[in-house]
N, C-alpha and C. Protein backbone atom coordinates (compact mmCIF):
# COMPACT_ATOMS: atom_id res chain seq x y z
N MET A 1 -53.09 -21.41 73.67
CA MET A 1 -52.97 -22.36 72.58
C MET A 1 -51.81 -21.93 71.67
N GLN A 2 -50.93 -22.87 71.38
CA GLN A 2 -49.79 -22.57 70.53
C GLN A 2 -50.17 -22.73 69.06
N PRO A 3 -49.57 -21.92 68.19
CA PRO A 3 -49.85 -22.08 66.76
C PRO A 3 -49.29 -23.41 66.26
N ALA A 4 -49.94 -23.97 65.27
CA ALA A 4 -49.47 -25.23 64.68
C ALA A 4 -48.13 -24.99 63.99
N ARG A 5 -47.23 -25.96 64.15
CA ARG A 5 -45.93 -25.85 63.48
C ARG A 5 -46.08 -26.27 62.03
N ARG A 6 -45.45 -25.50 61.17
CA ARG A 6 -45.46 -25.85 59.76
C ARG A 6 -44.57 -27.06 59.53
N GLN A 7 -44.98 -27.93 58.63
CA GLN A 7 -44.13 -29.05 58.23
C GLN A 7 -43.04 -28.48 57.33
N ARG A 8 -41.79 -28.68 57.71
CA ARG A 8 -40.69 -28.14 56.92
C ARG A 8 -40.54 -28.95 55.64
N LYS A 9 -40.50 -28.27 54.53
CA LYS A 9 -40.34 -28.92 53.23
C LYS A 9 -38.88 -29.02 52.83
N GLU A 10 -38.07 -28.13 53.30
CA GLU A 10 -36.63 -28.20 53.03
C GLU A 10 -35.89 -27.63 54.23
N PRO A 11 -34.68 -28.12 54.47
CA PRO A 11 -33.95 -27.68 55.66
C PRO A 11 -33.44 -26.25 55.52
N PRO A 12 -33.10 -25.62 56.64
CA PRO A 12 -32.50 -24.30 56.55
C PRO A 12 -31.12 -24.41 55.92
N MET A 13 -30.60 -23.33 55.43
CA MET A 13 -29.31 -23.36 54.73
C MET A 13 -28.14 -23.15 55.70
N ALA A 14 -28.29 -23.50 56.95
CA ALA A 14 -27.26 -23.29 57.95
C ALA A 14 -26.27 -24.45 58.05
N TYR A 15 -26.39 -25.44 57.21
CA TYR A 15 -25.51 -26.61 57.27
C TYR A 15 -24.33 -26.40 56.34
N GLU A 16 -23.16 -26.18 56.93
CA GLU A 16 -21.98 -25.89 56.14
C GLU A 16 -20.83 -26.79 56.54
N LYS A 17 -19.91 -26.97 55.63
CA LYS A 17 -18.71 -27.75 55.90
C LYS A 17 -17.75 -26.89 56.73
N PRO A 18 -17.32 -27.38 57.89
CA PRO A 18 -16.37 -26.62 58.70
C PRO A 18 -15.01 -26.53 58.00
N PRO A 19 -14.16 -25.59 58.43
CA PRO A 19 -12.80 -25.50 57.87
C PRO A 19 -12.02 -26.80 58.12
N HIS A 20 -11.03 -27.06 57.28
CA HIS A 20 -10.25 -28.29 57.34
C HIS A 20 -9.69 -28.57 58.73
N ALA A 21 -9.12 -27.58 59.37
CA ALA A 21 -8.52 -27.78 60.70
C ALA A 21 -9.57 -28.25 61.70
N GLU A 22 -10.78 -27.72 61.60
CA GLU A 22 -11.85 -28.14 62.49
C GLU A 22 -12.30 -29.57 62.18
N LEU A 23 -12.35 -29.92 60.90
CA LEU A 23 -12.72 -31.28 60.51
C LEU A 23 -11.76 -32.31 61.09
N VAL A 24 -10.48 -32.01 61.02
CA VAL A 24 -9.46 -32.93 61.53
C VAL A 24 -9.66 -33.16 63.03
N GLN A 25 -10.05 -32.11 63.74
CA GLN A 25 -10.29 -32.22 65.18
C GLN A 25 -11.62 -32.92 65.48
N LYS A 26 -12.63 -32.65 64.69
CA LYS A 26 -14.00 -33.11 64.95
C LYS A 26 -14.22 -34.58 64.59
N LEU A 27 -13.65 -35.02 63.48
CA LEU A 27 -13.93 -36.36 62.96
C LEU A 27 -12.91 -37.39 63.43
N THR A 28 -13.37 -38.64 63.54
CA THR A 28 -12.43 -39.73 63.79
C THR A 28 -11.64 -39.96 62.50
N PRO A 29 -10.51 -40.66 62.57
CA PRO A 29 -9.78 -40.95 61.33
C PRO A 29 -10.64 -41.66 60.28
N LEU A 30 -11.48 -42.60 60.70
CA LEU A 30 -12.34 -43.30 59.74
C LEU A 30 -13.38 -42.35 59.14
N GLN A 31 -14.01 -41.53 59.96
CA GLN A 31 -14.99 -40.56 59.45
C GLN A 31 -14.34 -39.62 58.44
N TYR A 32 -13.12 -39.18 58.73
CA TYR A 32 -12.42 -38.29 57.82
C TYR A 32 -12.12 -39.00 56.50
N GLU A 33 -11.59 -40.21 56.57
CA GLU A 33 -11.25 -40.95 55.35
C GLU A 33 -12.48 -41.20 54.48
N VAL A 34 -13.58 -41.58 55.11
CA VAL A 34 -14.80 -41.86 54.35
C VAL A 34 -15.36 -40.58 53.74
N THR A 35 -15.56 -39.55 54.54
CA THR A 35 -16.25 -38.35 54.04
C THR A 35 -15.38 -37.46 53.16
N GLN A 36 -14.08 -37.41 53.43
CA GLN A 36 -13.22 -36.48 52.70
C GLN A 36 -12.39 -37.15 51.60
N ASN A 37 -12.12 -38.46 51.75
CA ASN A 37 -11.26 -39.15 50.78
C ASN A 37 -11.96 -40.32 50.09
N ASN A 38 -13.28 -40.36 50.18
CA ASN A 38 -14.09 -41.36 49.46
C ASN A 38 -13.80 -42.80 49.86
N ALA A 39 -13.36 -43.03 51.08
CA ALA A 39 -13.09 -44.39 51.54
C ALA A 39 -14.41 -45.11 51.84
N THR A 40 -14.30 -46.41 52.06
CA THR A 40 -15.45 -47.23 52.43
C THR A 40 -15.11 -47.97 53.71
N GLU A 41 -16.01 -47.92 54.67
CA GLU A 41 -15.80 -48.63 55.93
C GLU A 41 -16.08 -50.12 55.73
N PRO A 42 -15.60 -50.97 56.65
CA PRO A 42 -15.86 -52.41 56.52
C PRO A 42 -17.35 -52.73 56.64
N PRO A 43 -17.84 -53.67 55.83
CA PRO A 43 -19.24 -54.07 55.95
C PRO A 43 -19.48 -54.85 57.24
N PHE A 44 -20.68 -54.74 57.75
CA PHE A 44 -21.17 -55.46 58.94
C PHE A 44 -20.51 -55.04 60.24
N ARG A 45 -19.39 -54.35 60.20
CA ARG A 45 -18.69 -53.92 61.42
C ARG A 45 -18.72 -52.40 61.47
N ASN A 46 -19.91 -51.86 61.55
CA ASN A 46 -20.06 -50.41 61.58
C ASN A 46 -21.23 -50.06 62.48
N ALA A 47 -21.36 -48.82 62.80
CA ALA A 47 -22.29 -48.38 63.84
C ALA A 47 -23.77 -48.54 63.50
N TYR A 48 -24.17 -48.40 62.25
CA TYR A 48 -25.60 -48.27 61.96
C TYR A 48 -26.21 -49.34 61.06
N ASP A 49 -25.45 -50.33 60.63
CA ASP A 49 -26.01 -51.39 59.79
C ASP A 49 -27.20 -52.05 60.49
N ALA A 50 -27.07 -52.32 61.77
CA ALA A 50 -28.13 -53.01 62.53
C ALA A 50 -28.94 -52.06 63.41
N GLU A 51 -28.86 -50.77 63.16
CA GLU A 51 -29.61 -49.77 63.94
C GLU A 51 -30.99 -49.57 63.32
N PHE A 52 -32.05 -49.93 64.06
CA PHE A 52 -33.39 -49.79 63.52
C PHE A 52 -34.34 -49.05 64.45
N ARG A 53 -33.80 -48.28 65.39
CA ARG A 53 -34.67 -47.44 66.23
C ARG A 53 -35.19 -46.28 65.39
N PRO A 54 -36.33 -45.71 65.77
CA PRO A 54 -36.83 -44.52 65.08
C PRO A 54 -35.88 -43.34 65.30
N GLY A 55 -35.64 -42.58 64.24
CA GLY A 55 -34.77 -41.42 64.36
C GLY A 55 -34.38 -40.87 63.00
N ILE A 56 -33.40 -39.98 63.03
CA ILE A 56 -32.93 -39.31 61.82
C ILE A 56 -31.42 -39.51 61.70
N TYR A 57 -30.94 -39.61 60.47
CA TYR A 57 -29.52 -39.74 60.18
C TYR A 57 -29.07 -38.44 59.52
N VAL A 58 -28.04 -37.83 60.09
CA VAL A 58 -27.55 -36.54 59.58
C VAL A 58 -26.10 -36.67 59.14
N ASP A 59 -25.66 -35.74 58.32
CA ASP A 59 -24.28 -35.69 57.85
C ASP A 59 -23.36 -35.46 59.05
N VAL A 60 -22.39 -36.35 59.25
CA VAL A 60 -21.47 -36.22 60.39
C VAL A 60 -20.62 -34.95 60.27
N VAL A 61 -20.44 -34.45 59.07
CA VAL A 61 -19.62 -33.25 58.84
C VAL A 61 -20.40 -31.97 59.15
N SER A 62 -21.59 -31.83 58.59
CA SER A 62 -22.33 -30.56 58.69
C SER A 62 -23.56 -30.61 59.58
N GLY A 63 -24.06 -31.80 59.87
CA GLY A 63 -25.30 -31.92 60.62
C GLY A 63 -26.55 -31.84 59.76
N ALA A 64 -26.39 -31.72 58.45
CA ALA A 64 -27.55 -31.64 57.56
C ALA A 64 -28.36 -32.93 57.62
N PRO A 65 -29.68 -32.82 57.72
CA PRO A 65 -30.52 -34.02 57.73
C PRO A 65 -30.47 -34.72 56.38
N LEU A 66 -30.32 -36.05 56.40
CA LEU A 66 -30.17 -36.79 55.15
C LEU A 66 -31.18 -37.92 54.98
N PHE A 67 -31.32 -38.78 56.00
CA PHE A 67 -32.16 -39.97 55.89
C PHE A 67 -32.99 -40.15 57.15
N LEU A 68 -34.17 -40.75 56.98
CA LEU A 68 -35.05 -41.07 58.11
C LEU A 68 -35.08 -42.58 58.33
N SER A 69 -35.28 -42.96 59.58
CA SER A 69 -35.36 -44.38 59.91
C SER A 69 -36.53 -45.07 59.20
N THR A 70 -37.57 -44.33 58.86
CA THR A 70 -38.72 -44.91 58.18
C THR A 70 -38.39 -45.37 56.76
N HIS A 71 -37.26 -44.92 56.21
CA HIS A 71 -36.84 -45.34 54.88
C HIS A 71 -35.67 -46.32 54.94
N LYS A 72 -35.30 -46.76 56.13
CA LYS A 72 -34.18 -47.68 56.31
C LYS A 72 -34.69 -49.11 56.28
N TYR A 73 -33.90 -50.00 55.69
CA TYR A 73 -34.28 -51.42 55.65
C TYR A 73 -33.02 -52.27 55.69
N ASN A 74 -33.20 -53.55 55.99
CA ASN A 74 -32.07 -54.48 56.04
C ASN A 74 -31.87 -55.08 54.66
N SER A 75 -30.86 -54.61 53.96
CA SER A 75 -30.60 -55.09 52.61
C SER A 75 -29.65 -56.28 52.61
N GLY A 76 -29.00 -56.53 53.75
CA GLY A 76 -28.03 -57.62 53.83
C GLY A 76 -26.68 -57.28 53.25
N CYS A 77 -26.47 -56.02 52.86
CA CYS A 77 -25.20 -55.62 52.22
C CYS A 77 -24.10 -55.30 53.23
N GLY A 78 -24.46 -55.11 54.50
CA GLY A 78 -23.45 -54.81 55.52
C GLY A 78 -23.30 -53.35 55.87
N TRP A 79 -24.02 -52.50 55.16
CA TRP A 79 -24.02 -51.06 55.44
C TRP A 79 -25.47 -50.61 55.61
N PRO A 80 -25.69 -49.48 56.25
CA PRO A 80 -27.06 -48.96 56.33
C PRO A 80 -27.63 -48.76 54.92
N ALA A 81 -28.86 -49.19 54.72
CA ALA A 81 -29.51 -49.06 53.42
C ALA A 81 -30.83 -48.31 53.60
N PHE A 82 -31.05 -47.36 52.70
CA PHE A 82 -32.26 -46.54 52.72
C PHE A 82 -32.90 -46.58 51.34
N SER A 83 -34.22 -46.49 51.29
CA SER A 83 -34.91 -46.47 50.00
C SER A 83 -34.86 -45.10 49.35
N ARG A 84 -34.60 -44.06 50.16
CA ARG A 84 -34.50 -42.71 49.61
C ARG A 84 -33.97 -41.76 50.68
N PRO A 85 -33.43 -40.61 50.24
CA PRO A 85 -33.08 -39.56 51.21
C PRO A 85 -34.36 -38.83 51.66
N ILE A 86 -34.23 -38.00 52.66
CA ILE A 86 -35.38 -37.20 53.12
C ILE A 86 -35.96 -36.41 51.95
N ALA A 87 -35.09 -35.78 51.17
CA ALA A 87 -35.49 -35.04 49.97
C ALA A 87 -34.35 -35.16 48.96
N PRO A 88 -34.65 -35.29 47.68
CA PRO A 88 -33.60 -35.46 46.67
C PRO A 88 -32.58 -34.32 46.66
N GLU A 89 -33.02 -33.11 46.98
CA GLU A 89 -32.10 -31.97 46.92
C GLU A 89 -31.08 -31.95 48.06
N LEU A 90 -31.16 -32.87 49.00
CA LEU A 90 -30.20 -32.92 50.10
C LEU A 90 -28.93 -33.67 49.74
N VAL A 91 -28.98 -34.43 48.64
CA VAL A 91 -27.82 -35.21 48.21
C VAL A 91 -27.49 -34.90 46.76
N ALA A 92 -26.25 -35.18 46.39
CA ALA A 92 -25.82 -35.04 45.00
C ALA A 92 -25.35 -36.42 44.54
N GLU A 93 -25.67 -36.77 43.31
CA GLU A 93 -25.28 -38.06 42.77
C GLU A 93 -24.36 -37.84 41.57
N HIS A 94 -23.28 -38.65 41.52
CA HIS A 94 -22.27 -38.51 40.46
C HIS A 94 -21.87 -39.89 39.96
N ASP A 95 -21.51 -39.99 38.69
CA ASP A 95 -20.94 -41.24 38.17
C ASP A 95 -19.63 -41.51 38.87
N ASP A 96 -19.42 -42.77 39.24
CA ASP A 96 -18.19 -43.20 39.90
C ASP A 96 -17.66 -44.39 39.11
N LEU A 97 -16.54 -44.20 38.44
CA LEU A 97 -15.95 -45.25 37.62
C LEU A 97 -14.72 -45.86 38.29
N SER A 98 -14.56 -45.65 39.59
CA SER A 98 -13.39 -46.16 40.30
C SER A 98 -13.48 -47.68 40.51
N HIS A 99 -12.34 -48.28 40.76
CA HIS A 99 -12.24 -49.71 41.08
C HIS A 99 -12.79 -50.60 39.97
N GLY A 100 -12.74 -50.14 38.73
CA GLY A 100 -13.19 -50.93 37.60
C GLY A 100 -14.69 -51.18 37.56
N MET A 101 -15.45 -50.36 38.28
CA MET A 101 -16.91 -50.51 38.32
C MET A 101 -17.58 -49.22 37.86
N ARG A 102 -18.84 -49.36 37.48
CA ARG A 102 -19.65 -48.18 37.17
C ARG A 102 -20.73 -48.11 38.25
N ARG A 103 -20.64 -47.08 39.08
CA ARG A 103 -21.58 -46.91 40.19
C ARG A 103 -22.02 -45.45 40.23
N THR A 104 -23.00 -45.19 41.08
CA THR A 104 -23.44 -43.82 41.30
C THR A 104 -23.10 -43.44 42.73
N GLU A 105 -22.18 -42.50 42.87
CA GLU A 105 -21.76 -42.03 44.19
C GLU A 105 -22.82 -41.07 44.74
N VAL A 106 -22.99 -41.11 46.07
CA VAL A 106 -23.90 -40.21 46.76
C VAL A 106 -23.08 -39.34 47.70
N ARG A 107 -23.26 -38.01 47.60
CA ARG A 107 -22.56 -37.05 48.45
C ARG A 107 -23.59 -36.13 49.10
N SER A 108 -23.26 -35.60 50.26
CA SER A 108 -24.15 -34.62 50.86
C SER A 108 -24.03 -33.32 50.07
N LYS A 109 -25.14 -32.66 49.88
CA LYS A 109 -25.15 -31.45 49.06
C LYS A 109 -24.43 -30.29 49.74
N ASP A 110 -24.70 -30.07 51.02
CA ASP A 110 -24.15 -28.90 51.71
C ASP A 110 -22.66 -29.00 52.01
N ALA A 111 -22.20 -30.15 52.50
CA ALA A 111 -20.80 -30.28 52.92
C ALA A 111 -19.96 -31.06 51.92
N ASP A 112 -20.57 -31.59 50.87
CA ASP A 112 -19.88 -32.38 49.86
C ASP A 112 -19.18 -33.60 50.48
N SER A 113 -19.79 -34.19 51.49
CA SER A 113 -19.25 -35.39 52.14
C SER A 113 -19.58 -36.61 51.29
N HIS A 114 -18.59 -37.49 51.12
CA HIS A 114 -18.86 -38.78 50.48
C HIS A 114 -19.71 -39.59 51.46
N LEU A 115 -20.86 -40.07 50.99
CA LEU A 115 -21.76 -40.85 51.84
C LEU A 115 -21.72 -42.33 51.49
N GLY A 116 -21.73 -42.65 50.21
CA GLY A 116 -21.77 -44.04 49.76
C GLY A 116 -22.19 -44.08 48.31
N HIS A 117 -23.04 -45.06 47.97
CA HIS A 117 -23.49 -45.24 46.59
C HIS A 117 -24.97 -45.59 46.57
N VAL A 118 -25.60 -45.36 45.43
CA VAL A 118 -27.00 -45.76 45.25
C VAL A 118 -27.06 -46.79 44.13
N PHE A 119 -27.87 -47.84 44.37
CA PHE A 119 -28.02 -48.94 43.42
C PHE A 119 -29.50 -49.12 43.10
N THR A 120 -29.78 -49.84 42.03
CA THR A 120 -31.16 -50.02 41.58
C THR A 120 -31.74 -51.38 41.99
N ASP A 121 -31.20 -51.97 43.05
CA ASP A 121 -31.69 -53.28 43.50
C ASP A 121 -32.45 -53.20 44.83
N GLY A 122 -33.03 -52.05 45.11
CA GLY A 122 -33.79 -51.87 46.35
C GLY A 122 -35.20 -52.41 46.24
N PRO A 123 -35.97 -52.29 47.31
CA PRO A 123 -37.36 -52.78 47.32
C PRO A 123 -38.20 -52.08 46.25
N GLN A 124 -38.81 -52.86 45.39
CA GLN A 124 -39.62 -52.30 44.30
C GLN A 124 -40.80 -51.48 44.82
N ASP A 125 -41.39 -51.91 45.93
CA ASP A 125 -42.55 -51.18 46.47
C ASP A 125 -42.17 -49.84 47.09
N ALA A 126 -40.85 -49.60 47.23
CA ALA A 126 -40.37 -48.32 47.78
C ALA A 126 -39.58 -47.53 46.74
N GLY A 127 -39.73 -47.87 45.47
CA GLY A 127 -39.07 -47.12 44.41
C GLY A 127 -37.90 -47.83 43.75
N GLY A 128 -37.45 -48.96 44.32
CA GLY A 128 -36.41 -49.76 43.69
C GLY A 128 -34.98 -49.32 43.93
N LEU A 129 -34.77 -48.32 44.78
CA LEU A 129 -33.40 -47.85 45.03
C LEU A 129 -32.87 -48.34 46.36
N ARG A 130 -31.54 -48.52 46.40
CA ARG A 130 -30.84 -48.87 47.64
C ARG A 130 -29.72 -47.86 47.83
N TYR A 131 -29.92 -46.93 48.74
CA TYR A 131 -28.86 -46.00 49.11
C TYR A 131 -28.01 -46.71 50.15
N CYS A 132 -26.85 -47.18 49.73
CA CYS A 132 -25.92 -47.92 50.57
C CYS A 132 -24.93 -46.91 51.15
N ILE A 133 -25.07 -46.60 52.44
CA ILE A 133 -24.40 -45.45 53.03
C ILE A 133 -23.45 -45.88 54.14
N ASN A 134 -22.27 -45.31 54.17
CA ASN A 134 -21.30 -45.58 55.23
C ASN A 134 -21.79 -45.01 56.55
N SER A 135 -21.77 -45.84 57.60
CA SER A 135 -22.12 -45.35 58.94
C SER A 135 -21.21 -44.21 59.35
N ALA A 136 -19.94 -44.28 58.95
CA ALA A 136 -18.96 -43.26 59.34
C ALA A 136 -19.30 -41.88 58.78
N ALA A 137 -20.16 -41.81 57.78
CA ALA A 137 -20.56 -40.53 57.20
C ALA A 137 -21.80 -39.96 57.89
N LEU A 138 -22.36 -40.72 58.82
CA LEU A 138 -23.63 -40.35 59.44
C LEU A 138 -23.51 -40.18 60.95
N ARG A 139 -24.46 -39.44 61.48
CA ARG A 139 -24.69 -39.39 62.93
C ARG A 139 -26.17 -39.68 63.12
N PHE A 140 -26.48 -40.67 63.95
CA PHE A 140 -27.86 -41.04 64.21
C PHE A 140 -28.37 -40.31 65.43
N ILE A 141 -29.54 -39.72 65.30
CA ILE A 141 -30.19 -39.04 66.42
C ILE A 141 -31.51 -39.77 66.67
N PRO A 142 -31.63 -40.46 67.83
CA PRO A 142 -32.86 -41.19 68.11
C PRO A 142 -34.05 -40.25 68.26
N LEU A 143 -35.23 -40.78 68.00
CA LEU A 143 -36.47 -40.01 68.05
C LEU A 143 -36.58 -39.17 69.31
N GLU A 144 -36.28 -39.74 70.46
CA GLU A 144 -36.46 -39.02 71.73
C GLU A 144 -35.49 -37.86 71.90
N GLU A 145 -34.46 -37.76 71.06
CA GLU A 145 -33.50 -36.66 71.13
C GLU A 145 -33.62 -35.67 69.98
N MET A 146 -34.48 -35.96 69.02
CA MET A 146 -34.56 -35.14 67.81
C MET A 146 -34.96 -33.70 68.10
N GLU A 147 -35.97 -33.50 68.91
CA GLU A 147 -36.44 -32.14 69.21
C GLU A 147 -35.32 -31.31 69.83
N GLN A 148 -34.69 -31.85 70.86
CA GLN A 148 -33.63 -31.13 71.56
C GLN A 148 -32.42 -30.86 70.66
N ALA A 149 -32.15 -31.78 69.73
CA ALA A 149 -31.01 -31.63 68.83
C ALA A 149 -31.30 -30.70 67.65
N GLY A 150 -32.53 -30.20 67.54
CA GLY A 150 -32.86 -29.26 66.47
C GLY A 150 -33.49 -29.89 65.25
N TYR A 151 -33.93 -31.15 65.35
CA TYR A 151 -34.53 -31.84 64.21
C TYR A 151 -36.01 -32.16 64.46
N GLY A 152 -36.66 -31.34 65.27
CA GLY A 152 -38.05 -31.56 65.63
C GLY A 152 -39.02 -31.54 64.47
N ASP A 153 -38.67 -30.84 63.40
CA ASP A 153 -39.58 -30.77 62.25
C ASP A 153 -39.79 -32.12 61.57
N TRP A 154 -38.93 -33.09 61.87
CA TRP A 154 -39.03 -34.40 61.23
C TRP A 154 -39.59 -35.47 62.18
N VAL A 155 -39.91 -35.12 63.41
CA VAL A 155 -40.39 -36.09 64.40
C VAL A 155 -41.62 -36.84 63.90
N ALA A 156 -42.59 -36.14 63.36
CA ALA A 156 -43.83 -36.79 62.90
C ALA A 156 -43.57 -37.80 61.80
N GLN A 157 -42.51 -37.62 61.04
CA GLN A 157 -42.21 -38.53 59.93
C GLN A 157 -41.54 -39.82 60.38
N VAL A 158 -41.04 -39.87 61.61
CA VAL A 158 -40.39 -41.09 62.08
C VAL A 158 -41.20 -41.82 63.15
N LYS A 159 -42.32 -41.27 63.56
CA LYS A 159 -43.17 -41.94 64.57
C LYS A 159 -43.96 -43.06 63.94
């Protein structure tokens, strides 16, 4: 009989931003522009807006777990929308006054990747927040691949 696995409350601290030269090699031009230069990908024409399979979304730069499919919903905005991150300490939020707007930018805590923005027009029954996140900042790992990819501690939360 195997011992029961503990439910992980926070991720290990092994998620780091690779050196610049490695990032340039690892990321597509769009992924680099979004995560490193605060760009925004086109709405509706991105990898994960219409992705609703069970799984986990991780930082494309560091691999840090960020969002679960169980918190994803169709907001109609053209980008993946989540009601919350896996845990608040996985992301950093900052005032963003660019483009003549006042918004709250969302960045990954470990790699400081630009992810997108958070708005207060989300589903009220889920806390009222809409984390509007660029697909280019994420890597989706489907449920059936989570264990092998090292994200097994979150499998029960997406089933």
